[in-house]
């Protein structure tokens, strides 16, 4: 029985020695796991910030491109209206000249129709120009 007590006493001494050592190992492993999780969280936060920066840059670029598209669209619209007005004027002059030369009722009717279309176009264009001037963006050139 004395031998068992001695063995138990040795076992107790070993356990008393190992317990703080094992707790220290567990604490070190836990701290290491926490630092890994924190590092991963920091990287995720950096990635999220990068995504937000890229999204803001993309939004700004898109806004600038849209503004440029609107400017180009406006210029094309002005050009098309101008060309339409010139074509209608050329047609009206040609039709009126032909009507005056031939005195043909069909030519006179065509010339009157050409004059009417030109007048309608000029009226619509003047309304658009007036509206643009009132809004402060009109350029009458």
Foldseek 3Di string as FASTA:
>chain_A
DVVVVVVVVVVVVVCVVVVVVVVVVVVVVVVVVVVVVVVVVVVVVVVVVVVVVVVVVVVVVVVVVVVVVVVVVVVVVVVVLVVVLVVLVVQLVVLVVVCVVPVDPVSVVSNVVSVVVNVVSVVVVVVVQVVCVVVVNHDDD
